[in-house]
C-alpha cells in the first residue's frame, strides 16, 4: 500500500539547501519515491498550522519511506538539511 511522506520545512540558508535539493532526488528515487509537490502555493483551511514550505512524496509503502529516512545514503544529506533548515516530517499510509 502506498505511503506518503509529508515534510514541512523552513529554510534558513537557501544556498546549501539548494545543494541538498540537487542531491536528494536520485536518493529518493532509489527508494521508490517520487515527488508529488515540492514547495509551491499552499493554503491553510483550518487550524493554526502555519507551514513554511511543503514537500509531498509518494513511496510504494511505509517501509520504503522509512528506509530512505534512516539510510546511510541519506545520512549526509540529512545532516546538510539540518544545517540550513528546520522542519517536521510524517509518513502516512495511503488507502
C-alpha atoms as a PDB file:
ATOM      1  CA  UNK A   1       0.000   0.000   0.000  1.00  0.00           C
ATOM      2  CA  UNK A   2       1.369   3.414  -0.979  1.00  0.00           C
ATOM      3  CA  UNK A   3       2.674   5.744   1.714  1.00  0.00           C
ATOM      4  CA  UNK A   4       3.156   9.479   1.694  1.00  0.00           C
ATOM      5  CA  UNK A   5       5.974  11.387   3.332  1.00  0.00           C
ATOM      6  CA  UNK A   6       4.951  14.935   4.162  1.00  0.00           C
ATOM      7  CA  UNK A   7       7.679  17.392   5.047  1.00  0.00           C
ATOM      8  CA  UNK A   8       7.147  20.953   6.280  1.00  0.00           C
ATOM      9  CA  UNK A   9      10.471  22.784   6.016  1.00  0.00           C
ATOM     10  CA  UNK A  10      11.611  26.270   6.969  1.00  0.00           C
ATOM     11  CA  UNK A  11      14.763  27.157   5.049  1.00  0.00           C
ATOM     12  CA  UNK A  12      17.271  29.310   6.945  1.00  0.00           C
ATOM     13  CA  UNK A  13      20.120  29.281   4.409  1.00  0.00           C
ATOM     14  CA  UNK A  14      18.947  28.888   0.787  1.00  0.00           C
ATOM     15  CA  UNK A  15      22.327  28.212  -0.852  1.00  0.00           C
ATOM     16  CA  UNK A  16      23.170  24.948   0.951  1.00  0.00           C
ATOM     17  CA  UNK A  17      19.502  23.946   0.834  1.00  0.00           C
ATOM     18  CA  UNK A  18      19.598  24.271  -2.965  1.00  0.00           C
ATOM     19  CA  UNK A  19      22.607  21.931  -2.913  1.00  0.00           C
ATOM     20  CA  UNK A  20      20.591  19.490  -0.774  1.00  0.00           C
ATOM     21  CA  UNK A  21      17.696  19.584  -3.261  1.00  0.00           C
ATOM     22  CA  UNK A  22      20.002  18.846  -6.209  1.00  0.00           C
ATOM     23  CA  UNK A  23      21.495  15.823  -4.463  1.00  0.00           C
ATOM     24  CA  UNK A  24      18.445  14.278  -2.795  1.00  0.00           C
ATOM     25  CA  UNK A  25      16.217  13.453  -5.797  1.00  0.00           C
ATOM     26  CA  UNK A  26      18.214  10.406  -7.018  1.00  0.00           C
ATOM     27  CA  UNK A  27      18.327   9.009  -3.477  1.00  0.00           C
ATOM     28  CA  UNK A  28      14.563   9.454  -3.067  1.00  0.00           C
ATOM     29  CA  UNK A  29      14.042   7.688  -6.397  1.00  0.00           C
ATOM     30  CA  UNK A  30      16.368   4.831  -5.408  1.00  0.00           C
ATOM     31  CA  UNK A  31      13.942   4.016  -2.571  1.00  0.00           C
ATOM     32  CA  UNK A  32      10.966   4.071  -4.944  1.00  0.00           C
ATOM     33  CA  UNK A  33       9.894   7.588  -4.012  1.00  0.00           C
ATOM     34  CA  UNK A  34       8.636  10.354  -6.239  1.00  0.00           C
ATOM     35  CA  UNK A  35       7.785  13.983  -5.663  1.00  0.00           C
ATOM     36  CA  UNK A  36       4.126  14.946  -5.824  1.00  0.00           C
ATOM     37  CA  UNK A  37       4.576  18.505  -4.537  1.00  0.00           C
ATOM     38  CA  UNK A  38       7.766  20.424  -3.895  1.00  0.00           C
ATOM     39  CA  UNK A  39       7.106  23.847  -2.456  1.00  0.00           C
ATOM     40  CA  UNK A  40       4.554  25.870  -4.339  1.00  0.00           C
ATOM     41  CA  UNK A  41       1.450  27.666  -3.172  1.00  0.00           C
ATOM     42  CA  UNK A  42      -0.492  26.268  -0.245  1.00  0.00           C
ATOM     43  CA  UNK A  43      -3.412  27.463   1.832  1.00  0.00           C
ATOM     44  CA  UNK A  44      -4.321  26.591   5.417  1.00  0.00           C
ATOM     45  CA  UNK A  45      -8.054  25.946   5.536  1.00  0.00           C
ATOM     46  CA  UNK A  46      -8.463  25.229   9.237  1.00  0.00           C
ATOM     47  CA  UNK A  47      -6.489  25.471  12.449  1.00  0.00           C
ATOM     48  CA  UNK A  48      -3.393  27.429  13.375  1.00  0.00           C
ATOM     49  CA  UNK A  49      -0.782  25.410  11.482  1.00  0.00           C
ATOM     50  CA  UNK A  50       1.492  27.754   9.525  1.00  0.00           C
ATOM     51  CA  UNK A  51       3.589  25.598   7.219  1.00  0.00           C
ATOM     52  CA  UNK A  52       6.525  27.257   5.539  1.00  0.00           C
ATOM     53  CA  UNK A  53       7.316  25.049   2.544  1.00  0.00           C
ATOM     54  CA  UNK A  54       5.545  21.732   1.998  1.00  0.00           C
ATOM     55  CA  UNK A  55       7.035  18.775   0.196  1.00  0.00           C
ATOM     56  CA  UNK A  56       4.973  15.659  -0.557  1.00  0.00           C
ATOM     57  CA  UNK A  57       6.472  12.339  -1.653  1.00  0.00           C
ATOM     58  CA  UNK A  58       4.817   9.081  -2.631  1.00  0.00           C
ATOM     59  CA  UNK A  59       6.534   5.770  -1.790  1.00  0.00           C
ATOM     60  CA  UNK A  60       5.488   2.185  -2.531  1.00  0.00           C
ATOM     61  CA  UNK A  61       4.922   1.559   1.194  1.00  0.00           C
ATOM     62  CA  UNK A  62       5.745   2.778   4.712  1.00  0.00           C
ATOM     63  CA  UNK A  63       8.864   0.617   4.885  1.00  0.00           C
ATOM     64  CA  UNK A  64      10.365   2.271   1.772  1.00  0.00           C
ATOM     65  CA  UNK A  65       9.786   5.782   3.120  1.00  0.00           C
ATOM     66  CA  UNK A  66      11.235   4.834   6.499  1.00  0.00           C
ATOM     67  CA  UNK A  67      14.203   3.112   4.838  1.00  0.00           C
ATOM     68  CA  UNK A  68      15.073   6.306   2.949  1.00  0.00           C
ATOM     69  CA  UNK A  69      14.894   8.427   6.084  1.00  0.00           C
ATOM     70  CA  UNK A  70      17.186   6.095   8.049  1.00  0.00           C
ATOM     71  CA  UNK A  71      19.560   5.046   5.252  1.00  0.00           C
ATOM     72  CA  UNK A  72      23.335   5.525   5.148  1.00  0.00           C
ATOM     73  CA  UNK A  73      22.922   7.052   1.680  1.00  0.00           C
ATOM     74  CA  UNK A  74      20.632   9.772   3.028  1.00  0.00           C
ATOM     75  CA  UNK A  75      22.534  10.451   6.285  1.00  0.00           C
ATOM     76  CA  UNK A  76      24.967  13.067   4.887  1.00  0.00           C
ATOM     77  CA  UNK A  77      22.126  14.865   3.126  1.00  0.00           C
ATOM     78  CA  UNK A  78      20.042  14.811   6.297  1.00  0.00           C
ATOM     79  CA  UNK A  79      22.973  16.475   8.092  1.00  0.00           C
ATOM     80  CA  UNK A  80      23.199  19.075   5.309  1.00  0.00           C
ATOM     81  CA  UNK A  81      19.443  19.699   5.536  1.00  0.00           C
ATOM     82  CA  UNK A  82      19.655  20.088   9.325  1.00  0.00           C
ATOM     83  CA  UNK A  83      22.461  22.640   8.917  1.00  0.00           C
ATOM     84  CA  UNK A  84      20.350  25.005   6.828  1.00  0.00           C
ATOM     85  CA  UNK A  85      16.710  24.323   7.712  1.00  0.00           C
ATOM     86  CA  UNK A  86      14.274  23.091  10.329  1.00  0.00           C
ATOM     87  CA  UNK A  87      11.192  21.054   9.726  1.00  0.00           C
ATOM     88  CA  UNK A  88       8.720  18.349  10.557  1.00  0.00           C
ATOM     89  CA  UNK A  89       8.262  15.044   8.728  1.00  0.00           C
ATOM     90  CA  UNK A  90       5.494  12.474   8.893  1.00  0.00           C
ATOM     91  CA  UNK A  91       4.709   9.299   6.963  1.00  0.00           C
ATOM     92  CA  UNK A  92       1.078   8.384   6.375  1.00  0.00           C
ATOM     93  CA  UNK A  93      -0.235   5.177   4.841  1.00  0.00           C
ATOM     94  CA  UNK A  94      -2.467   5.555   1.810  1.00  0.00           C
ATOM     95  CA  UNK A  95      -5.829   3.878   1.265  1.00  0.00           C
END
